[in-house]
Amino acid sequence: MGGVDPAGRDPGLQPERTRLAWRRTTLSASVAAVLAARTALHAGVTALAVVMGALCAVLWLGFLWVAQRRIHALTVHTRPPVLPPRYATAAVLCTVATAVCAAVLVV
């Protein structure tokens, strides 16, 4: 039937939407990391600001690693595998920790 399942749903659309959502989220995380670095350096360089800025950068790299692995899995496989719980946990922890670092930088 040319890639369409019997229920009339195109199996290629959902992975494509999920891949695009991961890309948008990665872009948002990149903007947050850049703003954190800007905030850390703009208001005067302190030890805490440098540590929080560096931590935000490391957390961004961790999130980027998880997102790239998921985007690759969605691109390569016809039926992508389920996101492993450890990757989902890593993405959530990176996001929450980045938010905490940002709050410390703002306050």
PDB file of N, CA and C in Angstrom:
ATOM      1  N   MET A   1       0.818  -1.189   0.000  1.00  0.00           N
ATOM      2  CA  MET A   1       0.000   0.000   0.000  1.00  0.00           C
ATOM      3  C   MET A   1       0.861   1.251   0.000  1.00  0.00           C
ATOM      4  N   GLY A   2       2.136   1.142  -0.283  1.00  0.00           N
ATOM      5  CA  GLY A   2       2.965   2.326  -0.441  1.00  0.00           C
ATOM      6  C   GLY A   2       3.280   3.062   0.847  1.00  0.00           C
ATOM      7  N   GLY A   3       3.486   2.355   1.969  1.00  0.00           N
ATOM      8  CA  GLY A   3       3.879   3.020   3.201  1.00  0.00           C
ATOM      9  C   GLY A   3       2.719   3.482   4.063  1.00  0.00           C
ATOM     10  N   VAL A   4       1.504   3.204   3.671  1.00  0.00           N
ATOM     11  CA  VAL A   4       0.343   3.608   4.469  1.00  0.00           C
ATOM     12  C   VAL A   4      -0.210   2.361   5.143  1.00  0.00           C
ATOM     13  N   ASP A   5      -0.446   2.441   6.449  1.00  0.00           N
ATOM     14  CA  ASP A   5      -0.970   1.272   7.134  1.00  0.00           C
ATOM     15  C   ASP A   5      -2.463   1.114   6.837  1.00  0.00           C
ATOM     16  N   PRO A   6      -3.030  -0.063   7.123  1.00  0.00           N
ATOM     17  CA  PRO A   6      -4.434  -0.323   6.787  1.00  0.00           C
ATOM     18  C   PRO A   6      -5.421   0.649   7.434  1.00  0.00           C
ATOM     19  N   ALA A   7      -5.046   1.270   8.547  1.00  0.00           N
ATOM     20  CA  ALA A   7      -5.963   2.195   9.209  1.00  0.00           C
ATOM     21  C   ALA A   7      -5.983   3.558   8.529  1.00  0.00           C
ATOM     22  N   GLY A   8      -5.153   3.747   7.504  1.00  0.00           N
ATOM     23  CA  GLY A   8      -5.149   5.008   6.777  1.00  0.00           C
ATOM     24  C   GLY A   8      -4.188   6.039   7.349  1.00  0.00           C
ATOM     25  N   ARG A   9      -3.363   5.644   8.290  1.00  0.00           N
ATOM     26  CA  ARG A   9      -2.417   6.570   8.914  1.00  0.00           C
ATOM     27  C   ARG A   9      -1.059   6.396   8.271  1.00  0.00           C
ATOM     28  N   ASP A  10      -0.414   7.510   7.930  1.00  0.00           N
ATOM     29  CA  ASP A  10       0.926   7.470   7.358  1.00  0.00           C
ATOM     30  C   ASP A  10       1.930   7.350   8.495  1.00  0.00           C
ATOM     31  N   PRO A  11       2.659   6.227   8.597  1.00  0.00           N
ATOM     32  CA  PRO A  11       3.573   6.031   9.719  1.00  0.00           C
ATOM     33  C   PRO A  11       4.767   6.974   9.681  1.00  0.00           C
ATOM     34  N   GLY A  12       4.986   7.661   8.582  1.00  0.00           N
ATOM     35  CA  GLY A  12       6.124   8.565   8.494  1.00  0.00           C
ATOM     36  C   GLY A  12       5.868   9.934   9.089  1.00  0.00           C
ATOM     37  N   LEU A  13       4.624  10.282   9.315  1.00  0.00           N
ATOM     38  CA  LEU A  13       4.310  11.619   9.804  1.00  0.00           C
ATOM     39  C   LEU A  13       4.634  11.814  11.283  1.00  0.00           C
ATOM     40  N   GLN A  14       4.295  10.849  12.111  1.00  0.00           N
ATOM     41  CA  GLN A  14       4.534  11.014  13.541  1.00  0.00           C
ATOM     42  C   GLN A  14       6.018  11.117  13.869  1.00  0.00           C
ATOM     43  N   PRO A  15       6.884  10.250  13.333  1.00  0.00           N
ATOM     44  CA  PRO A  15       8.314  10.427  13.614  1.00  0.00           C
ATOM     45  C   PRO A  15       8.845  11.771  13.109  1.00  0.00           C
ATOM     46  N   GLU A  16       8.314  12.231  11.977  1.00  0.00           N
ATOM     47  CA  GLU A  16       8.756  13.533  11.451  1.00  0.00           C
ATOM     48  C   GLU A  16       8.359  14.662  12.393  1.00  0.00           C
ATOM     49  N   ARG A  17       7.134  14.626  12.906  1.00  0.00           N
ATOM     50  CA  ARG A  17       6.698  15.656  13.858  1.00  0.00           C
ATOM     51  C   ARG A  17       7.512  15.596  15.139  1.00  0.00           C
ATOM     52  N   THR A  18       7.801  14.390  15.603  1.00  0.00           N
ATOM     53  CA  THR A  18       8.597  14.230  16.821  1.00  0.00           C
ATOM     54  C   THR A  18      10.015  14.742  16.604  1.00  0.00           C
ATOM     55  N   ARG A  19      10.588  14.457  15.446  1.00  0.00           N
ATOM     56  CA  ARG A  19      11.935  14.938  15.129  1.00  0.00           C
ATOM     57  C   ARG A  19      11.961  16.458  15.107  1.00  0.00           C
ATOM     58  N   LEU A  20      10.957  17.057  14.497  1.00  0.00           N
ATOM     59  CA  LEU A  20      10.884  18.522  14.468  1.00  0.00           C
ATOM     60  C   LEU A  20      10.694  19.106  15.868  1.00  0.00           C
ATOM     61  N   ALA A  21       9.930  18.420  16.708  1.00  0.00           N
ATOM     62  CA  ALA A  21       9.742  18.895  18.085  1.00  0.00           C
ATOM     63  C   ALA A  21      11.060  18.850  18.858  1.00  0.00           C
ATOM     64  N   TRP A  22      11.842  17.792  18.652  1.00  0.00           N
ATOM     65  CA  TRP A  22      13.159  17.718  19.303  1.00  0.00           C
ATOM     66  C   TRP A  22      14.057  18.848  18.813  1.00  0.00           C
ATOM     67  N   ARG A  23      13.997  19.169  17.522  1.00  0.00           N
ATOM     68  CA  ARG A  23      14.815  20.266  16.991  1.00  0.00           C
ATOM     69  C   ARG A  23      14.392  21.612  17.594  1.00  0.00           C
ATOM     70  N   ARG A  24      13.093  21.840  17.704  1.00  0.00           N
ATOM     71  CA  ARG A  24      12.610  23.093  18.312  1.00  0.00           C
ATOM     72  C   ARG A  24      13.034  23.188  19.772  1.00  0.00           C
ATOM     73  N   THR A  25      12.947  22.090  20.486  1.00  0.00           N
ATOM     74  CA  THR A  25      13.334  22.089  21.887  1.00  0.00           C
ATOM     75  C   THR A  25      14.831  22.325  22.030  1.00  0.00           C
ATOM     76  N   THR A  26      15.620  21.745  21.139  1.00  0.00           N
ATOM     77  CA  THR A  26      17.066  21.970  21.158  1.00  0.00           C
ATOM     78  C   THR A  26      17.381  23.433  20.882  1.00  0.00           C
ATOM     79  N   LEU A  27      16.662  24.030  19.946  1.00  0.00           N
ATOM     80  CA  LEU A  27      16.853  25.450  19.663  1.00  0.00           C
ATOM     81  C   LEU A  27      16.506  26.297  20.893  1.00  0.00           C
ATOM     82  N   SER A  28      15.431  25.966  21.574  1.00  0.00           N
ATOM     83  CA  SER A  28      15.051  26.693  22.787  1.00  0.00           C
ATOM     84  C   SER A  28      16.110  26.541  23.881  1.00  0.00           C
ATOM     85  N   ALA A  29      16.639  25.344  24.034  1.00  0.00           N
ATOM     86  CA  ALA A  29      17.693  25.119  25.029  1.00  0.00           C
ATOM     87  C   ALA A  29      18.952  25.905  24.664  1.00  0.00           C
ATOM     88  N   SER A  30      19.237  26.008  23.374  1.00  0.00           N
ATOM     89  CA  SER A  30      20.402  26.790  22.925  1.00  0.00           C
ATOM     90  C   SER A  30      20.237  28.258  23.259  1.00  0.00           C
ATOM     91  N   VAL A  31      19.057  28.787  23.025  1.00  0.00           N
ATOM     92  CA  VAL A  31      18.784  30.186  23.355  1.00  0.00           C
ATOM     93  C   VAL A  31      18.899  30.409  24.863  1.00  0.00           C
ATOM     94  N   ALA A  32      18.375  29.488  25.648  1.00  0.00           N
ATOM     95  CA  ALA A  32      18.469  29.614  27.110  1.00  0.00           C
ATOM     96  C   ALA A  32      19.928  29.584  27.572  1.00  0.00           C
ATOM     97  N   ALA A  33      20.750  28.722  26.967  1.00  0.00           N
ATOM     98  CA  ALA A  33      22.162  28.654  27.349  1.00  0.00           C
ATOM     99  C   ALA A  33      22.899  29.940  26.974  1.00  0.00           C
ATOM    100  N   VAL A  34      22.597  30.492  25.817  1.00  0.00           N
ATOM    101  CA  VAL A  34      23.229  31.750  25.399  1.00  0.00           C
ATOM    102  C   VAL A  34      22.806  32.898  26.311  1.00  0.00           C
ATOM    103  N   LEU A  35      21.529  32.951  26.652  1.00  0.00           N
ATOM    104  CA  LEU A  35      21.056  34.001  27.562  1.00  0.00           C
ATOM    105  C   LEU A  35      21.669  33.845  28.955  1.00  0.00           C
ATOM    106  N   ALA A  36      21.863  32.611  29.394  1.00  0.00           N
ATOM    107  CA  ALA A  36      22.508  32.390  30.691  1.00  0.00           C
ATOM    108  C   ALA A  36      23.947  32.890  30.658  1.00  0.00           C
ATOM    109  N   ALA A  37      24.656  32.600  29.576  1.00  0.00           N
ATOM    110  CA  ALA A  37      26.040  33.079  29.456  1.00  0.00           C
ATOM    111  C   ALA A  37      26.085  34.598  29.404  1.00  0.00           C
ATOM    112  N   ARG A  38      25.162  35.173  28.686  1.00  0.00           N
ATOM    113  CA  ARG A  38      25.097  36.639  28.591  1.00  0.00           C
ATOM    114  C   ARG A  38      24.828  37.253  29.959  1.00  0.00           C
ATOM    115  N   THR A  39      23.882  36.692  30.678  1.00  0.00           N
ATOM    116  CA  THR A  39      23.563  37.187  32.016  1.00  0.00           C
ATOM    117  C   THR A  39      24.747  37.035  32.954  1.00  0.00           C
ATOM    118  N   ALA A  40      25.446  35.919  32.855  1.00  0.00           N
ATOM    119  CA  ALA A  40      26.594  35.672  33.733  1.00  0.00           C
ATOM    120  C   ALA A  40      27.711  36.672  33.484  1.00  0.00           C
ATOM    121  N   LEU A  41      27.884  37.096  32.248  1.00  0.00           N
ATOM    122  CA  LEU A  41      28.988  37.990  31.916  1.00  0.00           C
ATOM    123  C   LEU A  41      28.589  39.460  31.905  1.00  0.00           C
ATOM    124  N   HIS A  42      27.312  39.748  31.772  1.00  0.00           N
ATOM    125  CA  HIS A  42      26.861  41.134  31.615  1.00  0.00           C
ATOM    126  C   HIS A  42      26.849  41.915  32.934  1.00  0.00           C
ATOM    127  N   ALA A  43      26.412  41.305  33.979  1.00  0.00           N
ATOM    128  CA  ALA A  43      26.230  42.012  35.246  1.00  0.00           C
ATOM    129  C   ALA A  43      27.509  42.074  36.075  1.00  0.00           C
ATOM    130  N   GLY A  44      28.617  41.716  35.516  1.00  0.00           N
ATOM    131  CA  GLY A  44      29.862  41.681  36.275  1.00  0.00           C
ATOM    132  C   GLY A  44      30.277  40.251  36.506  1.00  0.00           C
ATOM    133  N   VAL A  45      31.530  39.991  36.309  1.00  0.00           N
ATOM    134  CA  VAL A  45      32.017  38.624  36.418  1.00  0.00           C
ATOM    135  C   VAL A  45      32.297  38.289  37.886  1.00  0.00           C
ATOM    136  N   THR A  46      31.555  37.335  38.390  1.00  0.00           N
ATOM    137  CA  THR A  46      31.786  36.809  39.727  1.00  0.00           C
ATOM    138  C   THR A  46      32.032  35.311  39.602  1.00  0.00           C
ATOM    139  N   ALA A  47      32.570  34.736  40.636  1.00  0.00           N
ATOM    140  CA  ALA A  47      32.849  33.294  40.616  1.00  0.00           C
ATOM    141  C   ALA A  47      31.558  32.489  40.447  1.00  0.00           C
ATOM    142  N   LEU A  48      30.510  32.900  41.167  1.00  0.00           N
ATOM    143  CA  LEU A  48      29.237  32.194  41.066  1.00  0.00           C
ATOM    144  C   LEU A  48      28.665  32.283  39.659  1.00  0.00           C
ATOM    145  N   ALA A  49      28.749  33.465  39.048  1.00  0.00           N
ATOM    146  CA  ALA A  49      28.217  33.644  37.700  1.00  0.00           C
ATOM    147  C   ALA A  49      28.975  32.781  36.694  1.00  0.00           C
ATOM    148  N   VAL A  50      30.281  32.708  36.834  1.00  0.00           N
ATOM    149  CA  VAL A  50      31.079  31.891  35.910  1.00  0.00           C
ATOM    150  C   VAL A  50      30.752  30.412  36.086  1.00  0.00           C
ATOM    151  N   VAL A  51      30.622  29.966  37.328  1.00  0.00           N
ATOM    152  CA  VAL A  51      30.293  28.561  37.592  1.00  0.00           C
ATOM    153  C   VAL A  51      28.902  28.228  37.053  1.00  0.00           C
ATOM    154  N   MET A  52      27.939  29.091  37.296  1.00  0.00           N
ATOM    155  CA  MET A  52      26.581  28.831  36.802  1.00  0.00           C
ATOM    156  C   MET A  52      26.531  28.875  35.274  1.00  0.00           C
ATOM    157  N   GLY A  53      27.248  29.799  34.672  1.00  0.00           N
ATOM    158  CA  GLY A  53      27.298  29.870  33.212  1.00  0.00           C
ATOM    159  C   GLY A  53      27.932  28.616  32.619  1.00  0.00           C
ATOM    160  N   ALA A  54      29.026  28.158  33.238  1.00  0.00           N
ATOM    161  CA  ALA A  54      29.680  26.934  32.766  1.00  0.00           C
ATOM    162  C   ALA A  54      28.783  25.718  32.971  1.00  0.00           C
ATOM    163  N   LEU A  55      28.080  25.673  34.088  1.00  0.00           N
ATOM    164  CA  LEU A  55      27.172  24.565  34.349  1.00  0.00           C
ATOM    165  C   LEU A  55      26.035  24.548  33.337  1.00  0.00           C
ATOM    166  N   CYS A  56      25.507  25.723  33.008  1.00  0.00           N
ATOM    167  CA  CYS A  56      24.466  25.805  31.974  1.00  0.00           C
ATOM    168  C   CYS A  56      24.984  25.282  30.639  1.00  0.00           C
ATOM    169  N   ALA A  57      26.226  25.600  30.305  1.00  0.00           N
ATOM    170  CA  ALA A  57      26.816  25.124  29.050  1.00  0.00           C
ATOM    171  C   ALA A  57      26.954  23.604  29.046  1.00  0.00           C
ATOM    172  N   VAL A  58      27.397  23.047  30.165  1.00  0.00           N
ATOM    173  CA  VAL A  58      27.542  21.588  30.259  1.00  0.00           C
ATOM    174  C   VAL A  58      26.175  20.911  30.173  1.00  0.00           C
ATOM    175  N   LEU A  59      25.194  21.467  30.848  1.00  0.00           N
ATOM    176  CA  LEU A  59      23.844  20.906  30.794  1.00  0.00           C
ATOM    177  C   LEU A  59      23.269  20.998  29.383  1.00  0.00           C
ATOM    178  N   TRP A  60      23.540  22.089  28.697  1.00  0.00           N
ATOM    179  CA  TRP A  60      23.095  22.248  27.315  1.00  0.00           C
ATOM    180  C   TRP A  60      23.725  21.162  26.436  1.00  0.00           C
ATOM    181  N   LEU A  61      25.021  20.916  26.628  1.00  0.00           N
ATOM    182  CA  LEU A  61      25.684  19.866  25.853  1.00  0.00           C
ATOM    183  C   LEU A  61      25.067  18.494  26.137  1.00  0.00           C
ATOM    184  N   GLY A  62      24.719  18.228  27.390  1.00  0.00           N
ATOM    185  CA  GLY A  62      24.062  16.970  27.732  1.00  0.00           C
ATOM    186  C   GLY A  62      22.713  16.828  27.053  1.00  0.00           C
ATOM    187  N   PHE A  63      21.929  17.904  27.073  1.00  0.00           N
ATOM    188  CA  PHE A  63      20.632  17.863  26.405  1.00  0.00           C
ATOM    189  C   PHE A  63      20.805  17.705  24.902  1.00  0.00           C
ATOM    190  N   LEU A  64      21.774  18.404  24.346  1.00  0.00           N
ATOM    191  CA  LEU A  64      22.045  18.310  22.911  1.00  0.00           C
ATOM    192  C   LEU A  64      22.419  16.876  22.528  1.00  0.00           C
ATOM    193  N   TRP A  65      23.206  16.204  23.364  1.00  0.00           N
ATOM    194  CA  TRP A  65      23.598  14.832  23.096  1.00  0.00           C
ATOM    195  C   TRP A  65      22.374  13.911  23.055  1.00  0.00           C
ATOM    196  N   VAL A  66      21.488  14.050  24.046  1.00  0.00           N
ATOM    197  CA  VAL A  66      20.277  13.226  24.089  1.00  0.00           C
ATOM    198  C   VAL A  66      19.395  13.522  22.874  1.00  0.00           C
ATOM    199  N   ALA A  67      19.219  14.791  22.559  1.00  0.00           N
ATOM    200  CA  ALA A  67      18.353  15.167  21.437  1.00  0.00           C
ATOM    201  C   ALA A  67      18.902  14.648  20.114  1.00  0.00           C
ATOM    202  N   GLN A  68      20.195  14.749  19.910  1.00  0.00           N
ATOM    203  CA  GLN A  68      20.783  14.276  18.655  1.00  0.00           C
ATOM    204  C   GLN A  68      20.646  12.768  18.512  1.00  0.00           C
ATOM    205  N   ARG A  69      20.797  12.043  19.599  1.00  0.00           N
ATOM    206  CA  ARG A  69      20.606  10.586  19.544  1.00  0.00           C
ATOM    207  C   ARG A  69      19.165  10.250  19.164  1.00  0.00           C
ATOM    208  N   ARG A  70      18.222  10.992  19.727  1.00  0.00           N
ATOM    209  CA  ARG A  70      16.808  10.720  19.424  1.00  0.00           C
ATOM    210  C   ARG A  70      16.471  11.117  17.990  1.00  0.00           C
ATOM    211  N   ILE A  71      16.967  12.256  17.549  1.00  0.00           N
ATOM    212  CA  ILE A  71      16.713  12.697  16.173  1.00  0.00           C
ATOM    213  C   ILE A  71      17.294  11.680  15.192  1.00  0.00           C
ATOM    214  N   HIS A  72      18.481  11.183  15.494  1.00  0.00           N
ATOM    215  CA  HIS A  72      19.098  10.174  14.627  1.00  0.00           C
ATOM    216  C   HIS A  72      18.259   8.899  14.593  1.00  0.00           C
ATOM    217  N   ALA A  73      17.774   8.455  15.742  1.00  0.00           N
ATOM    218  CA  ALA A  73      16.940   7.245  15.792  1.00  0.00           C
ATOM    219  C   ALA A  73      15.652   7.437  15.007  1.00  0.00           C
ATOM    220  N   LEU A  74      15.082   8.635  15.058  1.00  0.00           N
ATOM    221  CA  LEU A  74      13.845   8.897  14.330  1.00  0.00           C
ATOM    222  C   LEU A  74      14.081   8.967  12.824  1.00  0.00           C
ATOM    223  N   THR A  75      15.282   9.339  12.423  1.00  0.00           N
ATOM    224  CA  THR A  75      15.596   9.473  11.008  1.00  0.00           C
ATOM    225  C   THR A  75      15.967   8.135  10.384  1.00  0.00           C
ATOM    226  N   VAL A  76      16.695   7.313  11.110  1.00  0.00           N
ATOM    227  CA  VAL A  76      17.253   6.075  10.558  1.00  0.00           C
ATOM    228  C   VAL A  76      16.223   4.955  10.462  1.00  0.00           C
ATOM    229  N   HIS A  77      15.418   4.795  11.479  1.00  0.00           N
ATOM    230  CA  HIS A  77      14.510   3.644  11.543  1.00  0.00           C
ATOM    231  C   HIS A  77      13.152   3.968  10.916  1.00  0.00           C
ATOM    232  N   THR A  78      12.596   2.966  10.254  1.00  0.00           N
ATOM    233  CA  THR A  78      11.257   3.123   9.707  1.00  0.00           C
ATOM    234  C   THR A  78      10.245   3.228  10.834  1.00  0.00           C
ATOM    235  N   ARG A  79      10.402   2.384  11.811  1.00  0.00           N
ATOM    236  CA  ARG A  79       9.568   2.448  13.014  1.00  0.00           C
ATOM    237  C   ARG A  79      10.530   2.703  14.172  1.00  0.00           C
ATOM    238  N   PRO A  80      10.644   3.969  14.591  1.00  0.00           N
ATOM    239  CA  PRO A  80      11.647   4.303  15.605  1.00  0.00           C
ATOM    240  C   PRO A  80      11.391   3.600  16.932  1.00  0.00           C
ATOM    241  N   PRO A  81      12.483   3.244  17.614  1.00  0.00           N
ATOM    242  CA  PRO A  81      12.322   2.604  18.915  1.00  0.00           C
ATOM    243  C   PRO A  81      11.825   3.601  19.965  1.00  0.00           C
ATOM    244  N   VAL A  82      11.307   3.064  21.031  1.00  0.00           N
ATOM    245  CA  VAL A  82      10.841   3.893  22.139  1.00  0.00           C
ATOM    246  C   VAL A  82      12.050   4.583  22.778  1.00  0.00           C
ATOM    247  N   LEU A  83      11.861   5.827  23.210  1.00  0.00           N
ATOM    248  CA  LEU A  83      12.925   6.554  23.890  1.00  0.00           C
ATOM    249  C   LEU A  83      13.251   5.836  25.200  1.00  0.00           C
ATOM    250  N   PRO A  84      14.513   5.416  25.363  1.00  0.00           N
ATOM    251  CA  PRO A  84      14.870   4.717  26.605  1.00  0.00           C
ATOM    252  C   PRO A  84      14.657   5.621  27.828  1.00  0.00           C
ATOM    253  N   PRO A  85      14.211   5.058  28.939  1.00  0.00           N
ATOM    254  CA  PRO A  85      13.946   5.854  30.135  1.00  0.00           C
ATOM    255  C   PRO A  85      15.156   6.657  30.617  1.00  0.00           C
ATOM    256  N   ARG A  86      16.356   6.110  30.464  1.00  0.00           N
ATOM    257  CA  ARG A  86      17.534   6.848  30.937  1.00  0.00           C
ATOM    258  C   ARG A  86      17.764   8.105  30.102  1.00  0.00           C
ATOM    259  N   TYR A  87      17.451   8.060  28.802  1.00  0.00           N
ATOM    260  CA  TYR A  87      17.587   9.255  27.967  1.00  0.00           C
ATOM    261  C   TYR A  87      16.508  10.284  28.311  1.00  0.00           C
ATOM    262  N   ALA A  88      15.301   9.797  28.553  1.00  0.00           N
ATOM    263  CA  ALA A  88      14.219  10.708  28.941  1.00  0.00           C
ATOM    264  C   ALA A  88      14.552  11.367  30.281  1.00  0.00           C
ATOM    265  N   THR A  89      15.067  10.590  31.209  1.00  0.00           N
ATOM    266  CA  THR A  89      15.461  11.129  32.513  1.00  0.00           C
ATOM    267  C   THR A  89      16.577  12.147  32.367  1.00  0.00           C
ATOM    268  N   ALA A  90      17.558  11.847  31.523  1.00  0.00           N
ATOM    269  CA  ALA A  90      18.670  12.779  31.300  1.00  0.00           C
ATOM    270  C   ALA A  90      18.173  14.094  30.710  1.00  0.00           C
ATOM    271  N   ALA A  91      17.255  14.018  29.751  1.00  0.00           N
ATOM    272  CA  ALA A  91      16.709  15.236  29.140  1.00  0.00           C
ATOM    273  C   ALA A  91      15.960  16.072  30.174  1.00  0.00           C
ATOM    274  N   VAL A  92      15.155  15.421  30.998  1.00  0.00           N
ATOM    275  CA  VAL A  92      14.398  16.143  32.029  1.00  0.00           C
ATOM    276  C   VAL A  92      15.338  16.758  33.058  1.00  0.00           C
ATOM    277  N   LEU A  93      16.323  15.996  33.516  1.00  0.00           N
ATOM    278  CA  LEU A  93      17.261  16.524  34.512  1.00  0.00           C
ATOM    279  C   LEU A  93      18.070  17.692  33.960  1.00  0.00           C
ATOM    280  N   CYS A  94      18.504  17.606  32.714  1.00  0.00           N
ATOM    281  CA  CYS A  94      19.240  18.724  32.101  1.00  0.00           C
ATOM    282  C   CYS A  94      18.356  19.966  32.019  1.00  0.00           C
ATOM    283  N   THR A  95      17.104  19.787  31.659  1.00  0.00           N
ATOM    284  CA  THR A  95      16.185  20.916  31.543  1.00  0.00           C
ATOM    285  C   THR A  95      15.917  21.553  32.902  1.00  0.00           C
ATOM    286  N   VAL A  96      15.632  20.747  33.905  1.00  0.00           N
ATOM    287  CA  VAL A  96      15.351  21.275  35.243  1.00  0.00           C
ATOM    288  C   VAL A  96      16.588  21.938  35.845  1.00  0.00           C
ATOM    289  N   ALA A  97      17.734  21.305  35.681  1.00  0.00           N
ATOM    290  CA  ALA A  97      18.964  21.880  36.227  1.00  0.00           C
ATOM    291  C   ALA A  97      19.321  23.189  35.525  1.00  0.00           C
ATOM    292  N   THR A  98      19.069  23.283  34.227  1.00  0.00           N
ATOM    293  CA  THR A  98      19.298  24.543  33.508  1.00  0.00           C
ATOM    294  C   THR A  98      18.380  25.627  34.039  1.00  0.00           C
ATOM    295  N   ALA A  99      17.135  25.291  34.341  1.00  0.00           N
ATOM    296  CA  ALA A  99      16.206  26.270  34.902  1.00  0.00           C
ATOM    297  C   ALA A  99      16.675  26.741  36.293  1.00  0.00           C
ATOM    298  N   VAL A 100      17.192  25.829  37.095  1.00  0.00           N
ATOM    299  CA  VAL A 100      17.695  26.197  38.408  1.00  0.00           C
ATOM    300  C   VAL A 100      18.908  27.110  38.273  1.00  0.00           C
ATOM    301  N   CYS A 101      19.808  26.784  37.362  1.00  0.00           N
ATOM    302  CA  CYS A 101      20.990  27.634  37.131  1.00  0.00           C
ATOM    303  C   CYS A 101      20.561  29.031  36.662  1.00  0.00           C
ATOM    304  N   ALA A 102      19.587  29.073  35.793  1.00  0.00           N
ATOM    305  CA  ALA A 102      19.098  30.361  35.301  1.00  0.00           C
ATOM    306  C   ALA A 102      18.486  31.176  36.442  1.00  0.00           C
ATOM    307  N   ALA A 103      17.757  30.510  37.319  1.00  0.00           N
ATOM    308  CA  ALA A 103      17.175  31.226  38.457  1.00  0.00           C
ATOM    309  C   ALA A 103      18.262  31.777  39.374  1.00  0.00           C
ATOM    310  N   VAL A 104      19.316  31.018  39.581  1.00  0.00           N
ATOM    311  CA  VAL A 104      20.427  31.502  40.410  1.00  0.00           C
ATOM    312  C   VAL A 104      21.099  32.695  39.757  1.00  0.00           C
ATOM    313  N   LEU A 105      21.251  32.647  38.443  1.00  0.00           N
ATOM    314  CA  LEU A 105      21.884  33.769  37.740  1.00  0.00           C
ATOM    315  C   LEU A 105      21.043  35.041  37.793  1.00  0.00           C
ATOM    316  N   VAL A 106      19.734  34.889  37.733  1.00  0.00           N
ATOM    317  CA  VAL A 106      18.841  36.069  37.725  1.00  0.00           C
ATOM    318  C   VAL A 106      18.734  36.675  39.113  1.00  0.00           C
ATOM    319  N   VAL A 107      18.686  35.844  40.133  1.00  0.00           N
ATOM    320  CA  VAL A 107      18.528  36.335  41.508  1.00  0.00           C
ATOM    321  C   VAL A 107      19.854  36.737  42.006  1.00  0.00           C
TER     322      VAL A 107
END
